[in-house]
Amino acid sequence: MKILFAEDDQKLGKLTTHLLKTQTPFQIEWAMNGTEAMELALHYEFDLLILDWMLPEMSGIEICKNLRSKGFEGPILMLTARDSINHRVEGLEAGADDYLIKPFDFSELVARIKVLNRRNFAPLQEDIIKIEDLSYNRTNFNLSRGSEQIQLTQRELQLFDLLVKNRGIVLTREVIFERVWGIESEVTSNAVDAYVKNLRKKIDLPDHQTYIKSVRGVGYTIEK
């Protein structure tokens, strides 16, 4: 599997490239700006693209739009510090298949790459994810049970979306807090437990095992 990795942060780029080359069977080509990434993507064949949103010279979003317009059908994973629903919609509409929010764990990056590869490049923005009797549309972020739509606040939706995208992976409270609220947030990490509790009240059925599993002393997960 040949991957184009576009990241202008030298420390992050060097570390991630080294880990991918030494700990996975993937072939990696690292580009440090948008122009270089675009040239490489146009002249060489890659199975998957990993694009930082805020690249110099040409942003990851611009690259994504240009390549899709030129017929590139492979999966595109966006790296971004932007975690609002509006930004995710913008990226998906530009042609991205999945998101990974900075800072990220290397194991999560590898897991996302493997998922995209297993899906035979099927675009995630078309997915309607089924979790037992729940239906979650990642295109418009609608959550429903049968014909009943479940209304979530934006923060609850961000939390649910994060857990859904990482089904089968236990996310620590610290990771959840950073991805949903941000490390500079004025709220405390106790907000994670409070929002999980509120989310459970909205999505769980009476006398039904909860969808969001607690892992004592670690964090939360939604099982596959």
C-alpha atoms as a PDB file:
ATOM      1  CA  MET A   1       0.000   0.000   0.000  1.00  0.00           C
ATOM      2  CA  LYS A   2       1.545   3.300  -1.120  1.00  0.00           C
ATOM      3  CA  ILE A   3       0.643   6.385   0.895  1.00  0.00           C
ATOM      4  CA  LEU A   4       1.210  10.088   0.264  1.00  0.00           C
ATOM      5  CA  PHE A   5       1.613  11.912   3.571  1.00  0.00           C
ATOM      6  CA  ALA A   6       1.425  15.730   3.408  1.00  0.00           C
ATOM      7  CA  GLU A   7       2.410  17.527   6.623  1.00  0.00           C
ATOM      8  CA  ASP A   8       4.407  20.738   7.050  1.00  0.00           C
ATOM      9  CA  ASP A   9       5.240  20.257  10.742  1.00  0.00           C
ATOM     10  CA  GLN A  10       8.769  18.816  10.497  1.00  0.00           C
ATOM     11  CA  LYS A  11       8.757  17.154  13.904  1.00  0.00           C
ATOM     12  CA  LEU A  12       5.362  15.497  13.402  1.00  0.00           C
ATOM     13  CA  GLY A  13       6.108  14.642   9.776  1.00  0.00           C
ATOM     14  CA  LYS A  14       9.477  13.091  10.524  1.00  0.00           C
ATOM     15  CA  LEU A  15       8.178  11.064  13.474  1.00  0.00           C
ATOM     16  CA  THR A  16       5.045   9.827  11.706  1.00  0.00           C
ATOM     17  CA  THR A  17       6.947   8.915   8.542  1.00  0.00           C
ATOM     18  CA  HIS A  18       9.554   7.040  10.578  1.00  0.00           C
ATOM     19  CA  LEU A  19       6.927   5.086  12.503  1.00  0.00           C
ATOM     20  CA  LEU A  20       4.945   4.218   9.368  1.00  0.00           C
ATOM     21  CA  LYS A  21       8.085   3.033   7.599  1.00  0.00           C
ATOM     22  CA  THR A  22       9.416   0.979  10.512  1.00  0.00           C
ATOM     23  CA  GLN A  23       6.243  -0.370  12.111  1.00  0.00           C
ATOM     24  CA  THR A  24       3.948  -0.989   9.131  1.00  0.00           C
ATOM     25  CA  PRO A  25       4.293  -2.570   5.661  1.00  0.00           C
ATOM     26  CA  PHE A  26       3.178   0.684   3.995  1.00  0.00           C
ATOM     27  CA  GLN A  27       5.292   2.654   1.530  1.00  0.00           C
ATOM     28  CA  ILE A  28       5.351   6.350   2.488  1.00  0.00           C
ATOM     29  CA  GLU A  29       6.106   9.476   0.487  1.00  0.00           C
ATOM     30  CA  TRP A  30       6.290  12.632   2.621  1.00  0.00           C
ATOM     31  CA  ALA A  31       5.482  16.077   1.186  1.00  0.00           C
ATOM     32  CA  MET A  32       6.035  19.240   3.259  1.00  0.00           C
ATOM     33  CA  ASN A  33       3.792  21.685   1.379  1.00  0.00           C
ATOM     34  CA  GLY A  34       0.625  21.648  -0.687  1.00  0.00           C
ATOM     35  CA  THR A  35       2.268  22.288  -4.039  1.00  0.00           C
ATOM     36  CA  GLU A  36       4.643  19.357  -3.620  1.00  0.00           C
ATOM     37  CA  ALA A  37       1.811  17.102  -2.457  1.00  0.00           C
ATOM     38  CA  MET A  38      -0.337  18.053  -5.447  1.00  0.00           C
ATOM     39  CA  GLU A  39       2.504  17.383  -7.899  1.00  0.00           C
ATOM     40  CA  LEU A  40       3.243  13.997  -6.386  1.00  0.00           C
ATOM     41  CA  ALA A  41      -0.442  13.011  -6.376  1.00  0.00           C
ATOM     42  CA  LEU A  42      -0.801  13.972 -10.040  1.00  0.00           C
ATOM     43  CA  HIS A  43       2.317  12.218 -11.319  1.00  0.00           C
ATOM     44  CA  TYR A  44       2.487   9.070  -9.183  1.00  0.00           C
ATOM     45  CA  GLU A  45      -0.035   6.457  -8.120  1.00  0.00           C
ATOM     46  CA  PHE A  46      -0.967   6.353  -4.454  1.00  0.00           C
ATOM     47  CA  ASP A  47      -3.439   4.056  -2.717  1.00  0.00           C
ATOM     48  CA  LEU A  48      -4.254   6.565   0.017  1.00  0.00           C
ATOM     49  CA  LEU A  49      -3.614  10.239   0.783  1.00  0.00           C
ATOM     50  CA  ILE A  50      -3.120  11.723   4.251  1.00  0.00           C
ATOM     51  CA  LEU A  51      -3.447  15.511   4.002  1.00  0.00           C
ATOM     52  CA  ASP A  52      -2.958  18.128   6.669  1.00  0.00           C
ATOM     53  CA  TRP A  53      -5.701  20.751   6.386  1.00  0.00           C
ATOM     54  CA  MET A  54      -3.431  23.793   6.892  1.00  0.00           C
ATOM     55  CA  LEU A  55      -0.605  23.093   4.430  1.00  0.00           C
ATOM     56  CA  PRO A  56       1.402  26.061   3.088  1.00  0.00           C
ATOM     57  CA  GLU A  57       1.058  27.087  -0.591  1.00  0.00           C
ATOM     58  CA  MET A  58      -2.042  24.916  -1.107  1.00  0.00           C
ATOM     59  CA  SER A  59      -4.314  23.679   1.681  1.00  0.00           C
ATOM     60  CA  GLY A  60      -5.326  20.076   2.130  1.00  0.00           C
ATOM     61  CA  ILE A  61      -8.919  21.028   1.288  1.00  0.00           C
ATOM     62  CA  GLU A  62      -7.786  22.609  -2.003  1.00  0.00           C
ATOM     63  CA  ILE A  63      -5.756  19.527  -2.872  1.00  0.00           C
ATOM     64  CA  CYS A  64      -8.710  17.303  -2.055  1.00  0.00           C
ATOM     65  CA  LYS A  65     -11.108  19.297  -4.254  1.00  0.00           C
ATOM     66  CA  ASN A  66      -8.651  19.483  -7.160  1.00  0.00           C
ATOM     67  CA  LEU A  67      -7.851  15.785  -7.112  1.00  0.00           C
ATOM     68  CA  ARG A  68     -11.514  14.750  -6.905  1.00  0.00           C
ATOM     69  CA  SER A  69     -12.302  17.026  -9.843  1.00  0.00           C
ATOM     70  CA  LYS A  70      -9.550  15.290 -11.801  1.00  0.00           C
ATOM     71  CA  GLY A  71     -10.986  11.849 -11.078  1.00  0.00           C
ATOM     72  CA  PHE A  72      -8.927  10.624  -8.114  1.00  0.00           C
ATOM     73  CA  GLU A  73     -11.048   7.955  -6.412  1.00  0.00           C
ATOM     74  CA  GLY A  74      -8.723   6.731  -3.672  1.00  0.00           C
ATOM     75  CA  PRO A  75      -9.384   7.392   0.014  1.00  0.00           C
ATOM     76  CA  ILE A  76      -8.314  10.713   1.533  1.00  0.00           C
ATOM     77  CA  LEU A  77      -7.746  11.102   5.260  1.00  0.00           C
ATOM     78  CA  MET A  78      -7.624  14.681   6.566  1.00  0.00           C
ATOM     79  CA  LEU A  79      -5.478  15.703   9.521  1.00  0.00           C
ATOM     80  CA  THR A  80      -6.825  18.770  11.239  1.00  0.00           C
ATOM     81  CA  ALA A  81      -6.933  20.627  14.512  1.00  0.00           C
ATOM     82  CA  ARG A  82     -10.415  21.818  13.551  1.00  0.00           C
ATOM     83  CA  ASP A  83     -13.064  19.728  15.230  1.00  0.00           C
ATOM     84  CA  SER A  84     -16.334  21.598  14.709  1.00  0.00           C
ATOM     85  CA  ILE A  85     -19.184  19.943  12.839  1.00  0.00           C
ATOM     86  CA  ASN A  86     -19.091  22.705  10.199  1.00  0.00           C
ATOM     87  CA  HIS A  87     -15.448  22.002   9.416  1.00  0.00           C
ATOM     88  CA  ARG A  88     -16.110  18.282   9.155  1.00  0.00           C
ATOM     89  CA  VAL A  89     -18.976  18.891   6.745  1.00  0.00           C
ATOM     90  CA  GLU A  90     -16.737  21.190   4.694  1.00  0.00           C
ATOM     91  CA  GLY A  91     -14.083  18.504   4.468  1.00  0.00           C
ATOM     92  CA  LEU A  92     -16.510  15.746   3.560  1.00  0.00           C
ATOM     93  CA  GLU A  93     -18.117  17.895   0.892  1.00  0.00           C
ATOM     94  CA  ALA A  94     -14.651  18.596  -0.531  1.00  0.00           C
ATOM     95  CA  GLY A  95     -14.175  14.855  -0.990  1.00  0.00           C
ATOM     96  CA  ALA A  96     -12.398  13.703   2.161  1.00  0.00           C
ATOM     97  CA  ASP A  97     -13.305  10.240   3.404  1.00  0.00           C
ATOM     98  CA  ASP A  98     -12.343  10.504   7.046  1.00  0.00           C
ATOM     99  CA  TYR A  99     -10.874  12.789   9.687  1.00  0.00           C
ATOM    100  CA  LEU A 100      -8.199  12.482  12.322  1.00  0.00           C
ATOM    101  CA  ILE A 101      -8.006  15.305  14.831  1.00  0.00           C
ATOM    102  CA  LYS A 102      -4.626  16.537  16.057  1.00  0.00           C
ATOM    103  CA  PRO A 103      -3.009  15.583  18.320  1.00  0.00           C
ATOM    104  CA  PHE A 104      -3.510  11.905  17.471  1.00  0.00           C
ATOM    105  CA  ASP A 105      -2.130   8.571  18.610  1.00  0.00           C
ATOM    106  CA  PHE A 106      -0.052   6.679  16.062  1.00  0.00           C
ATOM    107  CA  SER A 107      -2.076   3.502  16.706  1.00  0.00           C
ATOM    108  CA  GLU A 108      -5.270   5.382  15.810  1.00  0.00           C
ATOM    109  CA  LEU A 109      -3.722   6.635  12.561  1.00  0.00           C
ATOM    110  CA  VAL A 110      -2.769   3.079  11.568  1.00  0.00           C
ATOM    111  CA  ALA A 111      -6.251   1.832  12.483  1.00  0.00           C
ATOM    112  CA  ARG A 112      -7.867   4.498  10.275  1.00  0.00           C
ATOM    113  CA  ILE A 113      -5.575   3.600   7.355  1.00  0.00           C
ATOM    114  CA  LYS A 114      -6.452  -0.080   7.693  1.00  0.00           C
ATOM    115  CA  VAL A 115     -10.184   0.670   7.836  1.00  0.00           C
ATOM    116  CA  LEU A 116     -10.010   2.782   4.681  1.00  0.00           C
ATOM    117  CA  ASN A 117      -8.020   0.059   2.940  1.00  0.00           C
ATOM    118  CA  ARG A 118     -10.500  -2.643   3.976  1.00  0.00           C
ATOM    119  CA  ARG A 119     -13.364  -0.597   2.632  1.00  0.00           C
ATOM    120  CA  ASN A 120     -11.878  -0.802  -0.865  1.00  0.00           C
ATOM    121  CA  PHE A 121     -11.894   2.983  -1.043  1.00  0.00           C
ATOM    122  CA  ALA A 122     -15.639   3.349  -0.474  1.00  0.00           C
ATOM    123  CA  PRO A 123     -16.204   6.968   0.624  1.00  0.00           C
ATOM    124  CA  LEU A 124     -17.144   7.303   4.261  1.00  0.00           C
ATOM    125  CA  GLN A 125     -19.303  10.355   3.583  1.00  0.00           C
ATOM    126  CA  GLU A 126     -21.907   8.030   2.059  1.00  0.00           C
ATOM    127  CA  ASP A 127     -22.051   5.856   5.141  1.00  0.00           C
ATOM    128  CA  ILE A 128     -25.094   5.286   7.251  1.00  0.00           C
ATOM    129  CA  ILE A 129     -23.720   3.520  10.289  1.00  0.00           C
ATOM    130  CA  LYS A 130     -25.940   1.030  12.096  1.00  0.00           C
ATOM    131  CA  ILE A 131     -25.433   0.420  15.801  1.00  0.00           C
ATOM    132  CA  GLU A 132     -28.081  -2.105  16.766  1.00  0.00           C
ATOM    133  CA  ASP A 133     -31.341  -0.146  16.321  1.00  0.00           C
ATOM    134  CA  LEU A 134     -29.623   3.239  15.941  1.00  0.00           C
ATOM    135  CA  SER A 135     -28.921   4.749  12.525  1.00  0.00           C
ATOM    136  CA  TYR A 136     -26.251   7.431  12.204  1.00  0.00           C
ATOM    137  CA  ASN A 137     -25.822   9.345   8.959  1.00  0.00           C
ATOM    138  CA  ARG A 138     -22.309  10.798   8.752  1.00  0.00           C
ATOM    139  CA  THR A 139     -23.241  12.994   5.814  1.00  0.00           C
ATOM    140  CA  ASN A 140     -25.682  15.189   7.722  1.00  0.00           C
ATOM    141  CA  PHE A 141     -24.925  13.942  11.272  1.00  0.00           C
ATOM    142  CA  ASN A 142     -28.494  12.766  11.845  1.00  0.00           C
ATOM    143  CA  LEU A 143     -29.063  10.160  14.538  1.00  0.00           C
ATOM    144  CA  SER A 144     -32.307   8.217  14.577  1.00  0.00           C
ATOM    145  CA  ARG A 145     -34.067   5.128  15.884  1.00  0.00           C
ATOM    146  CA  GLY A 146     -36.573   3.974  13.289  1.00  0.00           C
ATOM    147  CA  SER A 147     -38.579   7.042  12.247  1.00  0.00           C
ATOM    148  CA  GLU A 148     -37.707   8.901  15.462  1.00  0.00           C
ATOM    149  CA  GLN A 149     -34.884  11.413  15.215  1.00  0.00           C
ATOM    150  CA  ILE A 150     -32.755  11.812  18.326  1.00  0.00           C
ATOM    151  CA  GLN A 151     -31.900  15.436  19.025  1.00  0.00           C
ATOM    152  CA  LEU A 152     -28.383  16.011  20.329  1.00  0.00           C
ATOM    153  CA  THR A 153     -26.617  19.215  21.230  1.00  0.00           C
ATOM    154  CA  GLN A 154     -23.564  20.068  19.140  1.00  0.00           C
ATOM    155  CA  ARG A 155     -21.204  18.939  21.910  1.00  0.00           C
ATOM    156  CA  GLU A 156     -23.119  15.683  22.407  1.00  0.00           C
ATOM    157  CA  LEU A 157     -22.978  15.115  18.656  1.00  0.00           C
ATOM    158  CA  GLN A 158     -19.219  15.728  18.587  1.00  0.00           C
ATOM    159  CA  LEU A 159     -18.792  13.218  21.394  1.00  0.00           C
ATOM    160  CA  PHE A 160     -21.012  10.620  19.728  1.00  0.00           C
ATOM    161  CA  ASP A 161     -19.319  11.106  16.349  1.00  0.00           C
ATOM    162  CA  LEU A 162     -15.885  10.651  17.927  1.00  0.00           C
ATOM    163  CA  LEU A 163     -16.916   7.395  19.616  1.00  0.00           C
ATOM    164  CA  VAL A 164     -18.631   6.093  16.471  1.00  0.00           C
ATOM    165  CA  LYS A 165     -15.593   6.792  14.269  1.00  0.00           C
ATOM    166  CA  ASN A 166     -13.468   4.842  16.737  1.00  0.00           C
ATOM    167  CA  ARG A 167     -15.805   1.880  17.264  1.00  0.00           C
ATOM    168  CA  GLY A 168     -13.978  -0.933  18.996  1.00  0.00           C
ATOM    169  CA  ILE A 169     -11.252   1.399  20.277  1.00  0.00           C
ATOM    170  CA  VAL A 170     -11.192   2.476  23.922  1.00  0.00           C
ATOM    171  CA  LEU A 171     -10.650   6.227  24.079  1.00  0.00           C
ATOM    172  CA  THR A 172      -9.238   7.659  27.283  1.00  0.00           C
ATOM    173  CA  ARG A 173     -10.981  10.548  28.967  1.00  0.00           C
ATOM    174  CA  GLU A 174      -7.970  12.710  28.154  1.00  0.00           C
ATOM    175  CA  VAL A 175      -8.181  11.945  24.424  1.00  0.00           C
ATOM    176  CA  ILE A 176     -11.940  12.531  24.368  1.00  0.00           C
ATOM    177  CA  PHE A 177     -11.526  15.836  26.207  1.00  0.00           C
ATOM    178  CA  GLU A 178      -8.831  17.060  23.793  1.00  0.00           C
ATOM    179  CA  ARG A 179     -10.811  16.060  20.689  1.00  0.00           C
ATOM    180  CA  VAL A 180     -14.194  17.408  21.778  1.00  0.00           C
ATOM    181  CA  TRP A 181     -13.372  20.407  23.967  1.00  0.00           C
ATOM    182  CA  GLY A 182      -9.741  21.162  23.092  1.00  0.00           C
ATOM    183  CA  ILE A 183      -6.763  21.397  25.408  1.00  0.00           C
ATOM    184  CA  GLU A 184      -7.296  25.139  25.918  1.00  0.00           C
ATOM    185  CA  SER A 185     -10.893  24.752  27.060  1.00  0.00           C
ATOM    186  CA  GLU A 186     -11.817  26.327  30.385  1.00  0.00           C
ATOM    187  CA  VAL A 187     -14.034  23.394  31.396  1.00  0.00           C
ATOM    188  CA  THR A 188     -12.550  20.482  33.314  1.00  0.00           C
ATOM    189  CA  SER A 189     -12.105  16.926  32.094  1.00  0.00           C
ATOM    190  CA  ASN A 190     -15.024  15.941  34.359  1.00  0.00           C
ATOM    191  CA  ALA A 191     -17.209  17.247  31.549  1.00  0.00           C
ATOM    192  CA  VAL A 192     -16.509  14.000  29.671  1.00  0.00           C
ATOM    193  CA  ASP A 193     -18.332  11.874  32.247  1.00  0.00           C
ATOM    194  CA  ALA A 194     -21.193  14.374  32.497  1.00  0.00           C
ATOM    195  CA  TYR A 195     -21.740  14.457  28.731  1.00  0.00           C
ATOM    196  CA  VAL A 196     -21.522  10.687  28.407  1.00  0.00           C
ATOM    197  CA  LYS A 197     -24.223  10.457  31.078  1.00  0.00           C
ATOM    198  CA  ASN A 198     -26.445  12.927  29.204  1.00  0.00           C
ATOM    199  CA  LEU A 199     -25.817  11.171  25.902  1.00  0.00           C
ATOM    200  CA  ARG A 200     -26.774   7.812  27.367  1.00  0.00           C
ATOM    201  CA  LYS A 201     -30.073   9.265  28.611  1.00  0.00           C
ATOM    202  CA  LYS A 202     -30.931  10.284  25.058  1.00  0.00           C
ATOM    203  CA  ILE A 203     -29.835   7.203  23.118  1.00  0.00           C
ATOM    204  CA  ASP A 204     -30.286   4.271  25.523  1.00  0.00           C
ATOM    205  CA  LEU A 205     -33.569   2.433  25.866  1.00  0.00           C
ATOM    206  CA  PRO A 206     -35.014   1.525  29.293  1.00  0.00           C
ATOM    207  CA  ASP A 207     -33.761  -1.848  30.560  1.00  0.00           C
ATOM    208  CA  HIS A 208     -31.320  -1.987  27.639  1.00  0.00           C
ATOM    209  CA  GLN A 209     -27.578  -2.331  27.890  1.00  0.00           C
ATOM    210  CA  THR A 210     -25.911   0.996  27.175  1.00  0.00           C
ATOM    211  CA  TYR A 211     -24.322   1.594  23.778  1.00  0.00           C
ATOM    212  CA  ILE A 212     -21.400   3.494  25.298  1.00  0.00           C
ATOM    213  CA  LYS A 213     -19.318   1.111  27.378  1.00  0.00           C
ATOM    214  CA  SER A 214     -17.264   2.322  30.332  1.00  0.00           C
ATOM    215  CA  VAL A 215     -13.767   0.914  30.760  1.00  0.00           C
ATOM    216  CA  ARG A 216     -12.965   1.459  34.404  1.00  0.00           C
ATOM    217  CA  GLY A 217     -10.075   3.756  35.013  1.00  0.00           C
ATOM    218  CA  VAL A 218      -9.532   4.344  31.285  1.00  0.00           C
ATOM    219  CA  GLY A 219     -12.412   5.825  29.323  1.00  0.00           C
ATOM    220  CA  TYR A 220     -15.219   4.900  26.940  1.00  0.00           C
ATOM    221  CA  THR A 221     -15.916   2.958  23.769  1.00  0.00           C
ATOM    222  CA  ILE A 222     -18.731   1.947  21.435  1.00  0.00           C
ATOM    223  CA  GLU A 223     -18.229  -1.681  20.527  1.00  0.00           C
ATOM    224  CA  LYS A 224     -18.404  -2.890  16.937  1.00  0.00           C
END
